């Protein structure tokens, strides 16, 4: 069952954050993941949550997402993100089968 990592990321030092991007994208792909959303353009329809940058990743399963998050390949990029950005990450599993209208 697919699983999604939903992240809000507020980059504090864009120049220092730049080396995070390429190895992170490569490590996500290595664990079967892909970017669904990566945007700083969004509209709040309800509530007060207004992330600076919103990222949604899709993985084949929650286990695959957790393996990526804890992987050796993501360890150094994660440390860089933690140093140069304020982030919130959430792991959510898809509904299987999808509800019928």
Protein backbone atom coordinates (compact mmCIF):
# COMPACT_ATOMS: atom_id res chain seq x y z
CA UNK A 1 0.00 0.00 0.00
CA UNK A 2 1.50 3.39 -0.95
CA UNK A 3 2.68 5.73 1.76
CA UNK A 4 3.41 9.42 1.70
CA UNK A 5 5.84 11.67 3.49
CA UNK A 6 4.37 15.14 3.81
CA UNK A 7 6.89 17.78 4.80
CA UNK A 8 6.94 21.48 5.47
CA UNK A 9 10.41 22.92 5.08
CA UNK A 10 11.54 26.42 5.98
CA UNK A 11 15.06 26.84 4.60
CA UNK A 12 17.06 29.30 6.70
CA UNK A 13 20.22 29.34 4.56
CA UNK A 14 19.43 28.62 0.88
CA UNK A 15 23.07 28.65 -0.22
CA UNK A 16 24.14 26.13 2.43
CA UNK A 17 21.01 24.06 1.71
CA UNK A 18 21.79 23.62 -2.01
CA UNK A 19 24.01 20.49 -1.54
CA UNK A 20 21.02 18.76 0.11
CA UNK A 21 18.96 18.52 -3.08
CA UNK A 22 20.78 16.13 -5.43
CA UNK A 23 21.76 13.37 -2.96
CA UNK A 24 18.29 13.52 -1.41
CA UNK A 25 16.54 13.08 -4.77
CA UNK A 26 18.86 10.18 -5.64
CA UNK A 27 18.27 8.47 -2.29
CA UNK A 28 14.48 8.86 -2.59
CA UNK A 29 14.55 7.16 -6.01
CA UNK A 30 16.81 4.41 -4.67
CA UNK A 31 14.08 3.45 -2.15
CA UNK A 32 11.31 3.50 -4.76
CA UNK A 33 10.07 6.98 -3.89
CA UNK A 34 9.15 9.93 -6.04
CA UNK A 35 8.26 13.58 -5.61
CA UNK A 36 4.55 14.37 -6.04
CA UNK A 37 4.68 17.96 -4.78
CA UNK A 38 7.57 20.33 -4.25
CA UNK A 39 6.29 23.87 -4.09
CA UNK A 40 6.31 27.13 -2.21
CA UNK A 41 3.11 28.17 -4.03
CA UNK A 42 -0.02 27.02 -2.23
CA UNK A 43 -3.25 28.40 -0.85
CA UNK A 44 -4.53 27.85 2.69
CA UNK A 45 -8.20 26.92 2.46
CA UNK A 46 -8.77 26.32 6.16
CA UNK A 47 -6.80 26.61 9.39
CA UNK A 48 -3.52 28.34 10.12
CA UNK A 49 -0.96 25.92 8.66
CA UNK A 50 1.04 27.85 6.08
CA UNK A 51 4.29 26.05 5.27
CA UNK A 52 7.05 27.95 3.54
CA UNK A 53 7.76 25.01 1.21
CA UNK A 54 5.55 21.93 0.92
CA UNK A 55 6.91 18.56 -0.19
CA UNK A 56 4.95 15.34 -0.74
CA UNK A 57 6.86 12.13 -1.44
CA UNK A 58 5.25 8.85 -2.48
CA UNK A 59 6.81 5.49 -1.58
CA UNK A 60 5.59 1.98 -2.37
CA UNK A 61 4.97 1.34 1.35
CA UNK A 62 5.43 2.83 4.80
CA UNK A 63 8.32 0.40 5.34
CA UNK A 64 10.06 1.70 2.20
CA UNK A 65 9.59 5.30 3.39
CA UNK A 66 11.02 4.48 6.82
CA UNK A 67 13.96 2.60 5.27
CA UNK A 68 14.73 5.68 3.17
CA UNK A 69 14.42 8.07 6.13
CA UNK A 70 16.77 5.92 8.24
CA UNK A 71 19.11 4.98 5.38
CA UNK A 72 22.83 5.49 5.18
CA UNK A 73 22.29 7.30 1.85
CA UNK A 74 20.06 9.90 3.49
CA UNK A 75 22.03 10.28 6.74
CA UNK A 76 24.35 13.10 5.58
CA UNK A 77 21.69 15.03 3.62
CA UNK A 78 19.32 14.77 6.59
CA UNK A 79 21.97 16.26 8.88
CA UNK A 80 22.41 19.12 6.41
CA UNK A 81 18.64 19.74 6.33
CA UNK A 82 18.43 19.72 10.11
CA UNK A 83 21.26 22.26 10.25
CA UNK A 84 19.92 24.71 7.64
CA UNK A 85 16.12 24.33 7.74
CA UNK A 86 13.22 23.95 10.12
CA UNK A 87 11.12 20.98 9.02
CA UNK A 88 8.06 18.99 9.98
CA UNK A 89 7.60 15.54 8.43
CA UNK A 90 4.60 13.25 8.58
CA UNK A 91 4.24 9.68 7.30
CA UNK A 92 0.75 8.68 6.12
CA UNK A 93 -0.44 5.45 4.54
CA UNK A 94 -2.90 5.41 1.65
CA UNK A 95 -6.42 4.07 1.98
CA UNK A 96 -6.74 0.71 0.22
CA UNK A 97 -8.94 0.36 -1.67
CA UNK A 98 -9.83 3.99 -2.34
CA UNK A 99 -13.32 5.00 -1.19
CA UNK A 100 -16.04 5.04 -3.83
CA UNK A 101 -17.89 8.30 -4.41
